[in-house]
C-alpha atoms as a PDB file:
ATOM      1  CA  UNK A   1     -16.096  29.841  42.584  1.00  0.00           C
ATOM      2  CA  UNK A   2     -14.210  32.810  44.032  1.00  0.00           C
ATOM      3  CA  UNK A   3     -15.393  33.473  47.604  1.00  0.00           C
ATOM      4  CA  UNK A   4     -15.800  37.195  46.969  1.00  0.00           C
ATOM      5  CA  UNK A   5     -18.008  36.463  43.989  1.00  0.00           C
ATOM      6  CA  UNK A   6     -20.043  33.959  46.015  1.00  0.00           C
ATOM      7  CA  UNK A   7     -20.487  36.569  48.738  1.00  0.00           C
ATOM      8  CA  UNK A   8     -21.688  39.283  46.346  1.00  0.00           C
ATOM      9  CA  UNK A   9     -23.913  36.830  44.484  1.00  0.00           C
ATOM     10  CA  UNK A  10     -25.584  35.637  47.704  1.00  0.00           C
ATOM     11  CA  UNK A  11     -26.271  39.202  48.825  1.00  0.00           C
ATOM     12  CA  UNK A  12     -27.625  40.154  45.413  1.00  0.00           C
ATOM     13  CA  UNK A  13     -29.890  37.105  45.405  1.00  0.00           C
ATOM     14  CA  UNK A  14     -31.192  37.962  48.866  1.00  0.00           C
ATOM     15  CA  UNK A  15     -32.476  41.302  47.614  1.00  0.00           C
ATOM     16  CA  UNK A  16     -34.881  39.694  45.153  1.00  0.00           C
ATOM     17  CA  UNK A  17     -36.163  36.939  47.400  1.00  0.00           C
ATOM     18  CA  UNK A  18     -38.653  36.612  50.242  1.00  0.00           C
ATOM     19  CA  UNK A  19     -39.154  34.496  53.334  1.00  0.00           C
ATOM     20  CA  UNK A  20     -37.299  31.213  53.603  1.00  0.00           C
ATOM     21  CA  UNK A  21     -35.522  31.696  50.269  1.00  0.00           C
ATOM     22  CA  UNK A  22     -34.205  35.064  51.395  1.00  0.00           C
ATOM     23  CA  UNK A  23     -33.060  33.514  54.689  1.00  0.00           C
ATOM     24  CA  UNK A  24     -31.217  30.795  52.753  1.00  0.00           C
ATOM     25  CA  UNK A  25     -29.466  33.459  50.674  1.00  0.00           C
ATOM     26  CA  UNK A  26     -28.289  35.160  53.879  1.00  0.00           C
ATOM     27  CA  UNK A  27     -26.968  31.815  55.145  1.00  0.00           C
ATOM     28  CA  UNK A  28     -25.026  31.534  51.867  1.00  0.00           C
ATOM     29  CA  UNK A  29     -23.696  35.073  52.374  1.00  0.00           C
ATOM     30  CA  UNK A  30     -22.656  34.170  55.917  1.00  0.00           C
ATOM     31  CA  UNK A  31     -20.815  31.071  54.709  1.00  0.00           C
ATOM     32  CA  UNK A  32     -19.015  33.111  52.053  1.00  0.00           C
ATOM     33  CA  UNK A  33     -18.173  35.715  54.709  1.00  0.00           C
ATOM     34  CA  UNK A  34     -16.634  32.937  56.779  1.00  0.00           C
ATOM     35  CA  UNK A  35     -14.397  31.904  53.897  1.00  0.00           C
ATOM     36  CA  UNK A  36     -13.303  35.530  53.535  1.00  0.00           C
ATOM     37  CA  UNK A  37     -12.570  35.862  57.268  1.00  0.00           C
ATOM     38  CA  UNK A  38     -15.302  38.473  57.767  1.00  0.00           C
ATOM     39  CA  UNK A  39     -16.581  37.283  61.152  1.00  0.00           C
ATOM     40  CA  UNK A  40     -18.637  40.400  61.912  1.00  0.00           C
ATOM     41  CA  UNK A  41     -20.405  40.239  58.547  1.00  0.00           C
ATOM     42  CA  UNK A  42     -20.870  36.500  58.969  1.00  0.00           C
ATOM     43  CA  UNK A  43     -22.662  37.053  62.263  1.00  0.00           C
ATOM     44  CA  UNK A  44     -24.812  39.844  60.817  1.00  0.00           C
ATOM     45  CA  UNK A  45     -25.937  37.551  57.992  1.00  0.00           C
ATOM     46  CA  UNK A  46     -26.813  34.674  60.332  1.00  0.00           C
ATOM     47  CA  UNK A  47     -28.836  37.048  62.506  1.00  0.00           C
ATOM     48  CA  UNK A  48     -30.665  38.346  59.430  1.00  0.00           C
ATOM     49  CA  UNK A  49     -31.354  34.787  58.236  1.00  0.00           C
ATOM     50  CA  UNK A  50     -32.763  33.851  61.637  1.00  0.00           C
ATOM     51  CA  UNK A  51     -34.849  37.018  61.764  1.00  0.00           C
ATOM     52  CA  UNK A  52     -36.396  36.048  58.422  1.00  0.00           C
ATOM     53  CA  UNK A  53     -36.747  32.348  59.245  1.00  0.00           C
ATOM     54  CA  UNK A  54     -36.283  31.399  62.916  1.00  0.00           C
ATOM     55  CA  UNK A  55     -36.867  27.748  61.975  1.00  0.00           C
ATOM     56  CA  UNK A  56     -33.922  27.515  59.583  1.00  0.00           C
ATOM     57  CA  UNK A  57     -31.775  24.650  60.923  1.00  0.00           C
ATOM     58  CA  UNK A  58     -28.811  25.514  58.694  1.00  0.00           C
ATOM     59  CA  UNK A  59     -28.705  29.051  60.052  1.00  0.00           C
ATOM     60  CA  UNK A  60     -28.795  27.805  63.643  1.00  0.00           C
ATOM     61  CA  UNK A  61     -26.202  25.115  62.988  1.00  0.00           C
ATOM     62  CA  UNK A  62     -23.700  27.282  61.151  1.00  0.00           C
ATOM     63  CA  UNK A  63     -24.220  30.172  63.543  1.00  0.00           C
ATOM     64  CA  UNK A  64     -23.428  27.814  66.433  1.00  0.00           C
ATOM     65  CA  UNK A  65     -20.082  27.009  64.805  1.00  0.00           C
ATOM     66  CA  UNK A  66     -19.262  30.717  64.513  1.00  0.00           C
ATOM     67  CA  UNK A  67     -20.306  31.365  68.109  1.00  0.00           C
ATOM     68  CA  UNK A  68     -18.098  28.500  69.250  1.00  0.00           C
ATOM     69  CA  UNK A  69     -15.158  30.002  67.332  1.00  0.00           C
ATOM     70  CA  UNK A  70     -15.836  33.340  69.013  1.00  0.00           C
ATOM     71  CA  UNK A  71     -15.813  31.699  72.450  1.00  0.00           C
ATOM     72  CA  UNK A  72     -19.491  32.387  73.079  1.00  0.00           C
ATOM     73  CA  UNK A  73     -20.173  28.877  74.311  1.00  0.00           C
ATOM     74  CA  UNK A  74     -23.569  29.409  75.943  1.00  0.00           C
ATOM     75  CA  UNK A  75     -24.981  30.958  72.786  1.00  0.00           C
ATOM     76  CA  UNK A  76     -23.390  28.234  70.651  1.00  0.00           C
ATOM     77  CA  UNK A  77     -24.993  25.588  72.856  1.00  0.00           C
ATOM     78  CA  UNK A  78     -28.437  27.178  72.416  1.00  0.00           C
ATOM     79  CA  UNK A  79     -28.113  27.269  68.628  1.00  0.00           C
ATOM     80  CA  UNK A  80     -26.815  23.706  68.409  1.00  0.00           C
ATOM     81  CA  UNK A  81     -29.833  22.549  70.427  1.00  0.00           C
ATOM     82  CA  UNK A  82     -32.218  24.518  68.232  1.00  0.00           C
ATOM     83  CA  UNK A  83     -30.619  23.126  65.065  1.00  0.00           C
ATOM     84  CA  UNK A  84     -31.054  19.583  66.395  1.00  0.00           C
ATOM     85  CA  UNK A  85     -34.648  20.293  67.345  1.00  0.00           C
ATOM     86  CA  UNK A  86     -35.376  21.510  63.818  1.00  0.00           C
ATOM     87  CA  UNK A  87     -33.347  18.852  61.985  1.00  0.00           C
ATOM     88  CA  UNK A  88     -32.977  15.854  64.322  1.00  0.00           C
ATOM     89  CA  UNK A  89     -31.715  13.467  61.634  1.00  0.00           C
ATOM     90  CA  UNK A  90     -28.794  15.593  60.408  1.00  0.00           C
ATOM     91  CA  UNK A  91     -25.630  13.638  61.276  1.00  0.00           C
ATOM     92  CA  UNK A  92     -23.362  16.681  60.855  1.00  0.00           C
ATOM     93  CA  UNK A  93     -25.200  18.562  63.590  1.00  0.00           C
ATOM     94  CA  UNK A  94     -25.040  15.557  65.910  1.00  0.00           C
ATOM     95  CA  UNK A  95     -21.329  15.015  65.247  1.00  0.00           C
ATOM     96  CA  UNK A  96     -20.273  18.633  65.678  1.00  0.00           C
ATOM     97  CA  UNK A  97     -22.452  19.130  68.738  1.00  0.00           C
ATOM     98  CA  UNK A  98     -20.906  16.000  70.300  1.00  0.00           C
ATOM     99  CA  UNK A  99     -17.412  17.382  69.621  1.00  0.00           C
ATOM    100  CA  UNK A 100     -18.466  20.724  71.140  1.00  0.00           C
ATOM    101  CA  UNK A 101     -19.855  19.002  74.242  1.00  0.00           C
ATOM    102  CA  UNK A 102     -16.702  16.906  74.600  1.00  0.00           C
ATOM    103  CA  UNK A 103     -14.553  20.052  74.535  1.00  0.00           C
ATOM    104  CA  UNK A 104     -16.696  21.383  77.381  1.00  0.00           C
ATOM    105  CA  UNK A 105     -16.173  18.188  79.376  1.00  0.00           C
ATOM    106  CA  UNK A 106     -19.795  17.122  78.924  1.00  0.00           C
ATOM    107  CA  UNK A 107     -18.927  13.624  77.692  1.00  0.00           C
ATOM    108  CA  UNK A 108     -22.139  11.881  78.739  1.00  0.00           C
ATOM    109  CA  UNK A 109     -24.203  14.461  76.842  1.00  0.00           C
ATOM    110  CA  UNK A 110     -21.873  14.021  73.857  1.00  0.00           C
ATOM    111  CA  UNK A 111     -22.418  10.260  73.902  1.00  0.00           C
ATOM    112  CA  UNK A 112     -26.181  10.744  74.146  1.00  0.00           C
ATOM    113  CA  UNK A 113     -26.088  13.109  71.185  1.00  0.00           C
ATOM    114  CA  UNK A 114     -24.223  10.556  69.080  1.00  0.00           C
ATOM    115  CA  UNK A 115     -26.648   7.797  70.084  1.00  0.00           C
ATOM    116  CA  UNK A 116     -29.553   9.851  68.720  1.00  0.00           C
ATOM    117  CA  UNK A 117     -27.809  10.184  65.383  1.00  0.00           C
END
């Protein structure tokens, strides 16, 4: 599917939805924004998703990746931790958080994160 179409479709879907479903649509819009290189829009959509559903692990996880890319490491760390708290069995979160921690020189924490996987 064309990324522009996916972006427009996700935003259109969000307008007719409520609660967690609407938050999921904003996560989809954020992911499509990422593919289009629209970092500012991507961040806006993650913030909207988290405003609608602060317990959405996918929003926290994907937002942490964006924050890491933007060099906002403290914020990324907070969102990785929240994503793990909300979805402790997701191996992707564990793996990417361990890589993030390793880049920061926090190797023992990275190993602990992988052990909990």
